[in-house]
C-alpha cells in the first residue's frame, strides 16, 4: 500500500485517509474518491489530500475485516 499526500485532482480511485470538509460536504475517512468527490475537493480549494492506494496483492480494510 502506498500512503501519503497527492494532488486532489489526481486522487481518483484512492482511499481518503482523513475526513475532510469540502465546502458543505464532509468526506469521510475510508471513502474511495470518485469524480464527484474529486470535484468537491477541487471546487473547495483543497489542493492536496492524504490517501492510501492499494497495490497488487493488497486487500482493502473491509475485506480484511471479513
C-alpha atoms as a PDB file:
ATOM      1  CA  UNK A   1       0.000   0.000   0.000  1.00  0.00           C
ATOM      2  CA  UNK A   2       1.180   3.475  -0.801  1.00  0.00           C
ATOM      3  CA  UNK A   3       0.185   6.142   1.696  1.00  0.00           C
ATOM      4  CA  UNK A   4       0.757   9.874   1.530  1.00  0.00           C
ATOM      5  CA  UNK A   5      -0.176  13.230   0.051  1.00  0.00           C
ATOM      6  CA  UNK A   6      -1.299  13.595  -3.574  1.00  0.00           C
ATOM      7  CA  UNK A   7      -2.777  16.487  -5.539  1.00  0.00           C
ATOM      8  CA  UNK A   8      -6.555  16.400  -5.076  1.00  0.00           C
ATOM      9  CA  UNK A   9      -7.123  16.385  -8.823  1.00  0.00           C
ATOM     10  CA  UNK A  10      -5.064  13.196  -9.159  1.00  0.00           C
ATOM     11  CA  UNK A  11      -6.610  11.240  -6.266  1.00  0.00           C
ATOM     12  CA  UNK A  12      -9.412   9.447  -8.127  1.00  0.00           C
ATOM     13  CA  UNK A  13      -9.607   5.793  -7.085  1.00  0.00           C
ATOM     14  CA  UNK A  14      -7.561   6.324  -3.925  1.00  0.00           C
ATOM     15  CA  UNK A  15      -8.902   5.896  -0.377  1.00  0.00           C
ATOM     16  CA  UNK A  16      -9.185   9.065   1.702  1.00  0.00           C
ATOM     17  CA  UNK A  17      -7.026   8.743   4.837  1.00  0.00           C
ATOM     18  CA  UNK A  18      -8.584  11.564   6.891  1.00  0.00           C
ATOM     19  CA  UNK A  19     -12.092  13.007   6.995  1.00  0.00           C
ATOM     20  CA  UNK A  20     -12.090  16.282   5.098  1.00  0.00           C
ATOM     21  CA  UNK A  21     -14.524  19.193   4.857  1.00  0.00           C
ATOM     22  CA  UNK A  22     -15.079  20.070   1.184  1.00  0.00           C
ATOM     23  CA  UNK A  23     -17.422  23.030   1.084  1.00  0.00           C
ATOM     24  CA  UNK A  24     -20.712  21.886   2.617  1.00  0.00           C
ATOM     25  CA  UNK A  25     -19.831  18.213   2.198  1.00  0.00           C
ATOM     26  CA  UNK A  26     -17.945  16.141   4.750  1.00  0.00           C
ATOM     27  CA  UNK A  27     -15.894  13.457   3.021  1.00  0.00           C
ATOM     28  CA  UNK A  28     -15.286  10.656   5.492  1.00  0.00           C
ATOM     29  CA  UNK A  29     -12.107   8.718   6.112  1.00  0.00           C
ATOM     30  CA  UNK A  30     -12.122   5.496   4.090  1.00  0.00           C
ATOM     31  CA  UNK A  31     -14.060   6.963   1.154  1.00  0.00           C
ATOM     32  CA  UNK A  32     -12.899   5.748  -2.246  1.00  0.00           C
ATOM     33  CA  UNK A  33     -12.532   9.012  -4.126  1.00  0.00           C
ATOM     34  CA  UNK A  34     -14.531   9.221  -7.343  1.00  0.00           C
ATOM     35  CA  UNK A  35     -15.108  12.002  -9.869  1.00  0.00           C
ATOM     36  CA  UNK A  36     -17.819  13.733  -7.806  1.00  0.00           C
ATOM     37  CA  UNK A  37     -15.770  13.791  -4.602  1.00  0.00           C
ATOM     38  CA  UNK A  38     -12.709  14.998  -6.534  1.00  0.00           C
ATOM     39  CA  UNK A  39     -14.833  17.853  -7.927  1.00  0.00           C
ATOM     40  CA  UNK A  40     -15.947  18.779  -4.405  1.00  0.00           C
ATOM     41  CA  UNK A  41     -12.356  18.885  -3.199  1.00  0.00           C
ATOM     42  CA  UNK A  42     -11.074  20.951  -6.111  1.00  0.00           C
ATOM     43  CA  UNK A  43     -14.029  23.376  -6.054  1.00  0.00           C
ATOM     44  CA  UNK A  44     -13.437  23.884  -2.321  1.00  0.00           C
ATOM     45  CA  UNK A  45      -9.842  24.917  -2.965  1.00  0.00           C
ATOM     46  CA  UNK A  46      -8.301  21.803  -1.440  1.00  0.00           C
ATOM     47  CA  UNK A  47      -5.073  21.195  -3.295  1.00  0.00           C
ATOM     48  CA  UNK A  48      -3.695  18.095  -1.535  1.00  0.00           C
ATOM     49  CA  UNK A  49      -5.217  15.124   0.268  1.00  0.00           C
ATOM     50  CA  UNK A  50      -3.672  12.233   2.166  1.00  0.00           C
ATOM     51  CA  UNK A  51      -4.674   8.926   0.606  1.00  0.00           C
ATOM     52  CA  UNK A  52      -3.925   5.239   0.500  1.00  0.00           C
ATOM     53  CA  UNK A  53      -3.515   3.449  -2.815  1.00  0.00           C
ATOM     54  CA  UNK A  54      -3.687  -0.320  -2.824  1.00  0.00           C
ATOM     55  CA  UNK A  55      -1.003  -2.182  -4.726  1.00  0.00           C
ATOM     56  CA  UNK A  56      -1.197  -5.621  -6.354  1.00  0.00           C
ATOM     57  CA  UNK A  57      -1.840  -8.218  -3.683  1.00  0.00           C
ATOM     58  CA  UNK A  58      -3.253  -5.735  -1.142  1.00  0.00           C
ATOM     59  CA  UNK A  59      -6.817  -6.087   0.119  1.00  0.00           C
ATOM     60  CA  UNK A  60      -8.919  -3.244   1.459  1.00  0.00           C
ATOM     61  CA  UNK A  61      -9.759  -2.814   5.130  1.00  0.00           C
ATOM     62  CA  UNK A  62     -13.355  -4.074   4.807  1.00  0.00           C
ATOM     63  CA  UNK A  63     -12.331  -7.262   3.008  1.00  0.00           C
ATOM     64  CA  UNK A  64      -9.639  -7.892   5.621  1.00  0.00           C
ATOM     65  CA  UNK A  65     -12.169  -7.493   8.427  1.00  0.00           C
ATOM     66  CA  UNK A  66     -14.467 -10.070   6.843  1.00  0.00           C
END
